Amino acid sequence: MITLVLGGASSGKSAVAERLAAALPPPVTYVATWRGDEAGMAEKVAAHRARRPPEWRTIEAGPDLRSVVASTPGTLLVDALGVWVAQAAELRVDAAGLCRALRERNDDCVIVSDEVGLGVHPSSELGRRFREVLGSLNLEVAAVADRVLLVVAGRVIATEKVAP
């Protein structure tokens, strides 16, 4: 089963995704898309790590998220697509390859992403481009997902696919 967990910044989406993954069959691998040492992120990464069960393995995927998803057995928790896009050269990611890897997996996957369509209109061209790239990626992943959850203030809102 593929579950996409969307939410705004600091909405509780990662904690929800961690609870979902913990209820799935082991082993669980946490796939971090963050790489770097930006100020403030160390504390956030440490807080996320402290919430996870110690038996969960962690992989830092970097730019080749598709191959990590394709080659890692067991339950995956991918956190987060927005960071993956932000760190990609020229915001270019292999969305089709990622979706193909997700569809071809035999094991469960929980994917976290930022919902960027509900926020303030970005004031820069880069911000607008990021919103468009991540919004399109979210649409593509949602199309292959079995369920999509929206997290608002730590509360989950289940969504439904609507026939075209």
N, C-alpha and C. Protein backbone atom coordinates (compact mmCIF):
# COMPACT_ATOMS: atom_id res chain seq x y z
N MET A 1 0.84 -1.17 0.00
CA MET A 1 0.00 0.00 0.00
C MET A 1 0.89 1.24 0.00
N ILE A 2 0.52 2.22 -0.79
CA ILE A 2 1.22 3.50 -0.86
C ILE A 2 0.31 4.54 -0.21
N THR A 3 0.85 5.23 0.80
CA THR A 3 0.11 6.29 1.48
C THR A 3 0.90 7.58 1.35
N LEU A 4 0.24 8.61 0.84
CA LEU A 4 0.84 9.94 0.75
C LEU A 4 0.26 10.79 1.87
N VAL A 5 1.15 11.36 2.70
CA VAL A 5 0.73 12.20 3.82
C VAL A 5 1.15 13.63 3.50
N LEU A 6 0.17 14.49 3.28
CA LEU A 6 0.41 15.89 2.95
C LEU A 6 0.07 16.79 4.12
N GLY A 7 0.74 17.92 4.20
CA GLY A 7 0.41 18.91 5.22
C GLY A 7 1.30 20.11 5.07
N GLY A 8 0.93 21.18 5.75
CA GLY A 8 1.73 22.39 5.73
C GLY A 8 2.94 22.25 6.63
N ALA A 9 3.73 23.30 6.68
CA ALA A 9 4.92 23.32 7.53
C ALA A 9 4.51 23.16 8.99
N SER A 10 5.20 22.28 9.70
CA SER A 10 4.97 22.04 11.13
C SER A 10 3.53 21.68 11.44
N SER A 11 2.90 20.93 10.54
CA SER A 11 1.50 20.53 10.71
C SER A 11 1.33 19.22 11.47
N GLY A 12 2.44 18.49 11.67
CA GLY A 12 2.37 17.19 12.33
C GLY A 12 2.38 16.03 11.34
N LYS A 13 2.62 16.32 10.07
CA LYS A 13 2.56 15.27 9.04
C LYS A 13 3.61 14.17 9.25
N SER A 14 4.81 14.53 9.68
CA SER A 14 5.84 13.51 9.89
C SER A 14 5.48 12.59 11.05
N ALA A 15 4.95 13.16 12.13
CA ALA A 15 4.54 12.33 13.27
C ALA A 15 3.41 11.39 12.89
N VAL A 16 2.47 11.86 12.08
CA VAL A 16 1.39 11.00 11.60
C VAL A 16 1.97 9.88 10.75
N ALA A 17 2.87 10.22 9.84
CA ALA A 17 3.49 9.21 8.97
C ALA A 17 4.27 8.18 9.78
N GLU A 18 4.94 8.62 10.84
CA GLU A 18 5.69 7.69 11.69
C GLU A 18 4.74 6.72 12.40
N ARG A 19 3.60 7.21 12.87
CA ARG A 19 2.62 6.31 13.50
C ARG A 19 2.07 5.31 12.49
N LEU A 20 1.81 5.76 11.27
CA LEU A 20 1.32 4.84 10.23
C LEU A 20 2.36 3.76 9.92
N ALA A 21 3.61 4.18 9.75
CA ALA A 21 4.67 3.23 9.42
C ALA A 21 4.90 2.23 10.55
N ALA A 22 4.78 2.69 11.79
CA ALA A 22 4.98 1.81 12.94
C ALA A 22 3.94 0.70 13.00
N ALA A 23 2.78 0.93 12.40
CA ALA A 23 1.71 -0.07 12.39
C ALA A 23 1.84 -1.05 11.23
N LEU A 24 2.80 -0.84 10.35
CA LEU A 24 3.00 -1.69 9.18
C LEU A 24 4.04 -2.76 9.49
N PRO A 25 4.11 -3.80 8.64
CA PRO A 25 5.05 -4.90 8.89
C PRO A 25 6.51 -4.44 8.91
N PRO A 26 7.29 -4.95 9.87
CA PRO A 26 8.73 -4.64 9.89
C PRO A 26 9.44 -5.46 8.81
N PRO A 27 10.64 -5.10 8.48
CA PRO A 27 11.41 -3.98 9.00
C PRO A 27 10.93 -2.67 8.38
N VAL A 28 11.16 -1.57 9.12
CA VAL A 28 10.82 -0.23 8.64
C VAL A 28 12.12 0.52 8.40
N THR A 29 12.20 1.14 7.23
CA THR A 29 13.35 1.99 6.90
C THR A 29 12.86 3.40 6.71
N TYR A 30 13.48 4.32 7.46
CA TYR A 30 13.18 5.74 7.33
C TYR A 30 14.11 6.28 6.26
N VAL A 31 13.54 6.82 5.19
CA VAL A 31 14.32 7.37 4.09
C VAL A 31 14.30 8.89 4.21
N ALA A 32 15.43 9.43 4.64
CA ALA A 32 15.55 10.88 4.80
C ALA A 32 15.98 11.49 3.47
N THR A 33 15.28 12.52 3.06
CA THR A 33 15.69 13.20 1.84
C THR A 33 16.59 14.39 2.14
N TRP A 34 16.72 14.75 3.42
CA TRP A 34 17.55 15.88 3.83
C TRP A 34 19.01 15.48 3.91
N ARG A 35 19.86 16.29 3.32
CA ARG A 35 21.31 16.16 3.47
C ARG A 35 21.86 17.55 3.62
N GLY A 36 22.62 17.76 4.64
CA GLY A 36 23.21 19.08 4.81
C GLY A 36 23.26 19.49 6.27
N ASP A 37 23.65 20.75 6.50
CA ASP A 37 23.79 21.24 7.85
C ASP A 37 23.24 22.65 8.01
N GLU A 38 22.16 22.93 7.29
CA GLU A 38 21.53 24.25 7.38
C GLU A 38 21.15 24.56 8.82
N ALA A 39 21.34 25.79 9.22
CA ALA A 39 21.02 26.21 10.58
C ALA A 39 19.57 25.89 10.92
N GLY A 40 19.37 25.34 12.08
CA GLY A 40 18.02 25.02 12.53
C GLY A 40 17.57 23.62 12.16
N MET A 41 18.11 23.05 11.11
CA MET A 41 17.66 21.72 10.69
C MET A 41 18.21 20.63 11.60
N ALA A 42 19.36 20.83 12.21
CA ALA A 42 19.95 19.81 13.08
C ALA A 42 19.00 19.47 14.22
N GLU A 43 18.38 20.49 14.81
CA GLU A 43 17.44 20.27 15.91
C GLU A 43 16.21 19.52 15.43
N LYS A 44 15.72 19.90 14.25
CA LYS A 44 14.53 19.24 13.70
C LYS A 44 14.82 17.77 13.38
N VAL A 45 15.97 17.51 12.79
CA VAL A 45 16.36 16.14 12.47
C VAL A 45 16.50 15.32 13.75
N ALA A 46 17.11 15.91 14.78
CA ALA A 46 17.28 15.20 16.06
C ALA A 46 15.93 14.88 16.70
N ALA A 47 14.99 15.81 16.63
CA ALA A 47 13.65 15.57 17.20
C ALA A 47 12.94 14.44 16.46
N HIS A 48 13.05 14.43 15.13
CA HIS A 48 12.44 13.34 14.34
C HIS A 48 13.08 12.01 14.71
N ARG A 49 14.40 11.99 14.81
CA ARG A 49 15.12 10.75 15.12
C ARG A 49 14.72 10.22 16.49
N ALA A 50 14.54 11.10 17.45
CA ALA A 50 14.20 10.69 18.82
C ALA A 50 12.80 10.07 18.89
N ARG A 51 11.91 10.45 17.99
CA ARG A 51 10.54 9.90 17.97
C ARG A 51 10.48 8.50 17.38
N ARG A 52 11.45 8.16 16.54
CA ARG A 52 11.40 6.88 15.83
C ARG A 52 11.88 5.73 16.70
N PRO A 53 11.30 4.54 16.50
CA PRO A 53 11.79 3.36 17.21
C PRO A 53 13.26 3.09 16.87
N PRO A 54 14.03 2.65 17.84
CA PRO A 54 15.47 2.46 17.60
C PRO A 54 15.78 1.37 16.57
N GLU A 55 14.85 0.46 16.35
CA GLU A 55 15.12 -0.62 15.39
C GLU A 55 14.93 -0.19 13.93
N TRP A 56 14.38 0.99 13.71
CA TRP A 56 14.22 1.48 12.35
C TRP A 56 15.58 1.86 11.78
N ARG A 57 15.83 1.44 10.59
CA ARG A 57 17.04 1.80 9.87
C ARG A 57 16.81 3.16 9.21
N THR A 58 17.86 3.96 9.05
CA THR A 58 17.75 5.24 8.36
C THR A 58 18.69 5.25 7.17
N ILE A 59 18.17 5.70 6.03
CA ILE A 59 18.96 5.88 4.82
C ILE A 59 18.81 7.34 4.40
N GLU A 60 19.91 8.00 4.09
CA GLU A 60 19.86 9.34 3.50
C GLU A 60 19.89 9.17 2.00
N ALA A 61 18.75 9.45 1.37
CA ALA A 61 18.60 9.15 -0.05
C ALA A 61 19.33 10.11 -0.96
N GLY A 62 19.31 11.38 -0.65
CA GLY A 62 19.91 12.35 -1.56
C GLY A 62 19.13 12.41 -2.86
N PRO A 63 19.81 12.76 -3.94
CA PRO A 63 19.10 13.00 -5.20
C PRO A 63 18.51 11.75 -5.85
N ASP A 64 19.04 10.58 -5.55
CA ASP A 64 18.55 9.37 -6.22
C ASP A 64 17.53 8.62 -5.38
N LEU A 65 16.48 9.31 -5.00
CA LEU A 65 15.41 8.72 -4.20
C LEU A 65 14.79 7.52 -4.91
N ARG A 66 14.64 7.60 -6.22
CA ARG A 66 14.03 6.52 -6.98
C ARG A 66 14.73 5.19 -6.74
N SER A 67 16.06 5.16 -6.81
CA SER A 67 16.77 3.89 -6.64
C SER A 67 16.68 3.37 -5.21
N VAL A 68 16.64 4.26 -4.22
CA VAL A 68 16.49 3.83 -2.83
C VAL A 68 15.11 3.19 -2.65
N VAL A 69 14.08 3.82 -3.20
CA VAL A 69 12.73 3.26 -3.10
C VAL A 69 12.66 1.91 -3.81
N ALA A 70 13.31 1.82 -4.95
CA ALA A 70 13.25 0.57 -5.74
C ALA A 70 14.03 -0.57 -5.09
N SER A 71 15.10 -0.26 -4.38
CA SER A 71 16.00 -1.32 -3.92
C SER A 71 15.91 -1.65 -2.42
N THR A 72 15.11 -0.94 -1.67
CA THR A 72 15.06 -1.16 -0.23
C THR A 72 13.83 -1.98 0.13
N PRO A 73 14.02 -3.20 0.63
CA PRO A 73 12.87 -4.03 0.99
C PRO A 73 12.24 -3.60 2.32
N GLY A 74 11.03 -4.06 2.54
CA GLY A 74 10.32 -3.77 3.77
C GLY A 74 9.54 -2.47 3.67
N THR A 75 8.96 -2.08 4.77
CA THR A 75 8.18 -0.85 4.84
C THR A 75 9.12 0.35 4.75
N LEU A 76 8.74 1.33 3.93
CA LEU A 76 9.51 2.57 3.82
C LEU A 76 8.70 3.74 4.32
N LEU A 77 9.37 4.67 4.96
CA LEU A 77 8.81 5.97 5.31
C LEU A 77 9.73 7.00 4.67
N VAL A 78 9.25 7.68 3.64
CA VAL A 78 10.02 8.68 2.91
C VAL A 78 9.63 10.05 3.42
N ASP A 79 10.59 10.79 3.97
CA ASP A 79 10.30 12.10 4.57
C ASP A 79 11.37 13.09 4.14
N ALA A 80 11.15 13.99 3.23
CA ALA A 80 9.91 14.43 2.61
C ALA A 80 10.22 14.85 1.17
N LEU A 81 9.18 14.84 0.35
CA LEU A 81 9.36 15.17 -1.07
C LEU A 81 9.74 16.63 -1.28
N GLY A 82 9.25 17.54 -0.45
CA GLY A 82 9.61 18.95 -0.60
C GLY A 82 11.10 19.19 -0.43
N VAL A 83 11.69 18.52 0.51
CA VAL A 83 13.13 18.64 0.73
C VAL A 83 13.88 18.05 -0.45
N TRP A 84 13.38 16.94 -0.99
CA TRP A 84 14.01 16.30 -2.16
C TRP A 84 14.03 17.27 -3.33
N VAL A 85 12.91 17.91 -3.59
CA VAL A 85 12.82 18.87 -4.69
C VAL A 85 13.74 20.06 -4.43
N ALA A 86 13.69 20.60 -3.21
CA ALA A 86 14.48 21.80 -2.89
C ALA A 86 15.98 21.57 -3.05
N GLN A 87 16.43 20.35 -2.80
CA GLN A 87 17.86 20.07 -2.89
C GLN A 87 18.30 19.61 -4.28
N ALA A 88 17.34 19.40 -5.18
CA ALA A 88 17.67 18.94 -6.54
C ALA A 88 18.21 20.09 -7.37
N ALA A 89 19.19 19.78 -8.20
CA ALA A 89 19.74 20.78 -9.10
C ALA A 89 18.63 21.32 -9.98
N GLU A 90 18.48 22.63 -9.99
CA GLU A 90 17.46 23.32 -10.79
C GLU A 90 16.05 22.80 -10.51
N LEU A 91 15.82 22.24 -9.32
CA LEU A 91 14.52 21.69 -8.90
C LEU A 91 14.05 20.57 -9.83
N ARG A 92 14.96 19.89 -10.47
CA ARG A 92 14.60 18.80 -11.40
C ARG A 92 14.72 17.46 -10.70
N VAL A 93 13.59 16.75 -10.61
CA VAL A 93 13.56 15.42 -10.00
C VAL A 93 12.94 14.44 -10.99
N ASP A 94 13.22 13.18 -10.78
CA ASP A 94 12.68 12.12 -11.64
C ASP A 94 11.34 11.63 -11.07
N ALA A 95 10.29 12.43 -11.28
CA ALA A 95 8.97 12.09 -10.75
C ALA A 95 8.44 10.79 -11.36
N ALA A 96 8.58 10.64 -12.65
CA ALA A 96 8.09 9.43 -13.31
C ALA A 96 8.82 8.20 -12.79
N GLY A 97 10.13 8.30 -12.63
CA GLY A 97 10.92 7.18 -12.10
C GLY A 97 10.53 6.84 -10.68
N LEU A 98 10.30 7.86 -9.85
CA LEU A 98 9.87 7.61 -8.47
C LEU A 98 8.52 6.92 -8.45
N CYS A 99 7.58 7.39 -9.24
CA CYS A 99 6.24 6.77 -9.27
C CYS A 99 6.31 5.34 -9.78
N ARG A 100 7.15 5.09 -10.76
CA ARG A 100 7.32 3.73 -11.26
C ARG A 100 7.89 2.83 -10.16
N ALA A 101 8.89 3.32 -9.44
CA ALA A 101 9.48 2.53 -8.33
C ALA A 101 8.44 2.27 -7.25
N LEU A 102 7.61 3.24 -6.95
CA LEU A 102 6.56 3.05 -5.94
C LEU A 102 5.57 1.97 -6.39
N ARG A 103 5.14 2.05 -7.64
CA ARG A 103 4.17 1.06 -8.16
C ARG A 103 4.74 -0.35 -8.18
N GLU A 104 6.04 -0.48 -8.43
CA GLU A 104 6.66 -1.79 -8.56
C GLU A 104 7.05 -2.42 -7.23
N ARG A 105 6.98 -1.67 -6.15
CA ARG A 105 7.33 -2.21 -4.82
C ARG A 105 6.31 -3.25 -4.39
N ASN A 106 6.79 -4.26 -3.65
CA ASN A 106 5.90 -5.26 -3.06
C ASN A 106 5.54 -4.91 -1.63
N ASP A 107 6.26 -3.96 -1.04
CA ASP A 107 6.06 -3.61 0.36
C ASP A 107 5.43 -2.23 0.49
N ASP A 108 4.96 -1.94 1.70
CA ASP A 108 4.28 -0.67 1.97
C ASP A 108 5.23 0.51 1.93
N CYS A 109 4.67 1.67 1.61
CA CYS A 109 5.44 2.90 1.59
C CYS A 109 4.56 4.05 2.06
N VAL A 110 5.07 4.81 3.00
CA VAL A 110 4.42 6.03 3.48
C VAL A 110 5.31 7.18 3.04
N ILE A 111 4.74 8.15 2.33
CA ILE A 111 5.50 9.26 1.78
C ILE A 111 4.96 10.56 2.35
N VAL A 112 5.86 11.40 2.84
CA VAL A 112 5.49 12.70 3.41
C VAL A 112 5.82 13.78 2.39
N SER A 113 4.92 14.75 2.25
CA SER A 113 5.20 15.90 1.39
C SER A 113 4.47 17.13 1.89
N ASP A 114 5.01 18.27 1.53
CA ASP A 114 4.39 19.53 1.90
C ASP A 114 3.27 19.85 0.92
N GLU A 115 2.14 20.28 1.46
CA GLU A 115 1.05 20.77 0.62
C GLU A 115 1.35 22.24 0.39
N VAL A 116 1.73 22.57 -0.82
CA VAL A 116 2.18 23.93 -1.12
C VAL A 116 1.09 24.79 -1.75
N GLY A 117 -0.04 24.23 -2.07
CA GLY A 117 -1.07 24.99 -2.75
C GLY A 117 -1.96 25.81 -1.83
N LEU A 118 -1.78 25.73 -0.53
CA LEU A 118 -2.65 26.44 0.40
C LEU A 118 -1.97 27.65 1.05
N GLY A 119 -0.73 27.88 0.69
CA GLY A 119 0.02 28.94 1.35
C GLY A 119 -0.03 30.26 0.60
N VAL A 120 0.77 31.17 1.09
CA VAL A 120 0.90 32.48 0.49
C VAL A 120 1.55 32.35 -0.88
N HIS A 121 1.15 33.20 -1.81
CA HIS A 121 1.75 33.21 -3.14
C HIS A 121 3.23 33.58 -3.01
N PRO A 122 4.13 32.72 -3.50
CA PRO A 122 5.56 33.01 -3.36
C PRO A 122 5.93 34.34 -4.03
N SER A 123 6.82 35.07 -3.40
CA SER A 123 7.19 36.39 -3.91
C SER A 123 8.33 36.34 -4.92
N SER A 124 9.00 35.20 -5.04
CA SER A 124 10.12 35.11 -5.98
C SER A 124 9.80 34.09 -7.07
N GLU A 125 10.51 34.23 -8.16
CA GLU A 125 10.35 33.28 -9.26
C GLU A 125 10.75 31.87 -8.81
N LEU A 126 11.83 31.76 -8.03
CA LEU A 126 12.25 30.45 -7.53
C LEU A 126 11.17 29.84 -6.64
N GLY A 127 10.58 30.63 -5.78
CA GLY A 127 9.51 30.14 -4.92
C GLY A 127 8.31 29.67 -5.72
N ARG A 128 7.95 30.43 -6.75
CA ARG A 128 6.81 30.02 -7.61
C ARG A 128 7.15 28.72 -8.35
N ARG A 129 8.37 28.63 -8.82
CA ARG A 129 8.77 27.40 -9.54
C ARG A 129 8.78 26.20 -8.60
N PHE A 130 9.30 26.38 -7.38
CA PHE A 130 9.28 25.30 -6.39
C PHE A 130 7.85 24.84 -6.14
N ARG A 131 6.93 25.78 -5.93
CA ARG A 131 5.53 25.43 -5.68
C ARG A 131 4.95 24.63 -6.84
N GLU A 132 5.25 25.03 -8.07
CA GLU A 132 4.73 24.32 -9.24
C GLU A 132 5.32 22.91 -9.36
N VAL A 133 6.65 22.80 -9.15
CA VAL A 133 7.31 21.49 -9.26
C VAL A 133 6.79 20.54 -8.18
N LEU A 134 6.76 21.01 -6.93
CA LEU A 134 6.31 20.13 -5.85
C LEU A 134 4.81 19.83 -5.98
N GLY A 135 4.02 20.81 -6.37
CA GLY A 135 2.59 20.56 -6.58
C GLY A 135 2.36 19.49 -7.65
N SER A 136 3.10 19.56 -8.74
CA SER A 136 2.99 18.54 -9.80
C SER A 136 3.45 17.18 -9.32
N LEU A 137 4.55 17.16 -8.56
CA LEU A 137 5.05 15.89 -8.01
C LEU A 137 4.00 15.29 -7.08
N ASN A 138 3.41 16.10 -6.21
CA ASN A 138 2.36 15.60 -5.32
C ASN A 138 1.21 14.99 -6.10
N LEU A 139 0.80 15.64 -7.20
CA LEU A 139 -0.27 15.09 -8.04
C LEU A 139 0.11 13.73 -8.62
N GLU A 140 1.35 13.61 -9.08
CA GLU A 140 1.80 12.35 -9.67
C GLU A 140 1.86 11.23 -8.64
N VAL A 141 2.39 11.54 -7.46
CA VAL A 141 2.46 10.52 -6.40
C VAL A 141 1.05 10.17 -5.92
N ALA A 142 0.20 11.15 -5.78
CA ALA A 142 -1.19 10.89 -5.36
C ALA A 142 -1.90 9.97 -6.35
N ALA A 143 -1.57 10.10 -7.63
CA ALA A 143 -2.21 9.27 -8.65
C ALA A 143 -1.86 7.79 -8.50
N VAL A 144 -0.68 7.49 -7.95
CA VAL A 144 -0.30 6.08 -7.76
C VAL A 144 -0.55 5.60 -6.34
N ALA A 145 -0.88 6.53 -5.44
CA ALA A 145 -1.11 6.18 -4.03
C ALA A 145 -2.46 5.51 -3.85
N ASP A 146 -2.50 4.61 -2.88
CA ASP A 146 -3.75 3.96 -2.51
C ASP A 146 -4.61 4.88 -1.64
N ARG A 147 -3.93 5.75 -0.88
CA ARG A 147 -4.66 6.72 -0.07
C ARG A 147 -3.80 7.95 0.11
N VAL A 148 -4.51 9.08 0.28
CA VAL A 148 -3.87 10.36 0.51
C VAL A 148 -4.51 10.95 1.76
N LEU A 149 -3.65 11.37 2.68
CA LEU A 149 -4.12 11.96 3.93
C LEU A 149 -3.62 13.40 4.01
N LEU A 150 -4.47 14.30 4.46
CA LEU A 150 -4.08 15.68 4.68
C LEU A 150 -4.03 15.89 6.19
N VAL A 151 -2.91 16.42 6.67
CA VAL A 151 -2.74 16.67 8.10
C VAL A 151 -2.85 18.17 8.35
N VAL A 152 -3.76 18.54 9.24
CA VAL A 152 -3.96 19.93 9.62
C VAL A 152 -3.91 20.00 11.14
N ALA A 153 -2.94 20.73 11.68
CA ALA A 153 -2.78 20.87 13.13
C ALA A 153 -2.78 19.52 13.84
N GLY A 154 -2.07 18.56 13.24
CA GLY A 154 -1.94 17.24 13.83
C GLY A 154 -3.14 16.32 13.62
N ARG A 155 -4.17 16.82 12.97
CA ARG A 155 -5.37 16.01 12.71
C ARG A 155 -5.37 15.54 11.28
N VAL A 156 -5.82 14.30 11.08
CA VAL A 156 -5.82 13.70 9.75
C VAL A 156 -7.18 13.86 9.09
N ILE A 157 -7.13 14.30 7.84
CA ILE A 157 -8.32 14.38 7.02
C ILE A 157 -8.11 13.41 5.86
N ALA A 158 -8.91 12.35 5.79
CA ALA A 158 -8.79 11.37 4.71
C ALA A 158 -9.40 11.99 3.44
N THR A 159 -8.83 11.66 2.31
CA THR A 159 -9.34 12.16 1.04
C THR A 159 -9.81 11.00 0.20
N GLU A 160 -10.59 11.30 -0.81
CA GLU A 160 -11.08 10.26 -1.71
C GLU A 160 -10.73 10.62 -3.13
N LYS A 161 -10.53 9.59 -3.95
CA LYS A 161 -10.35 9.83 -5.38
C LYS A 161 -11.72 10.12 -5.96
N VAL A 162 -11.77 11.10 -6.82
CA VAL A 162 -13.03 11.46 -7.48
C VAL A 162 -12.90 11.05 -8.94
N ALA A 163 -13.90 10.37 -9.45
CA ALA A 163 -13.88 9.94 -10.84
C ALA A 163 -13.84 11.14 -11.76
N PRO A 164 -13.07 11.04 -12.85
CA PRO A 164 -12.99 12.18 -13.78
C PRO A 164 -14.29 12.44 -14.48
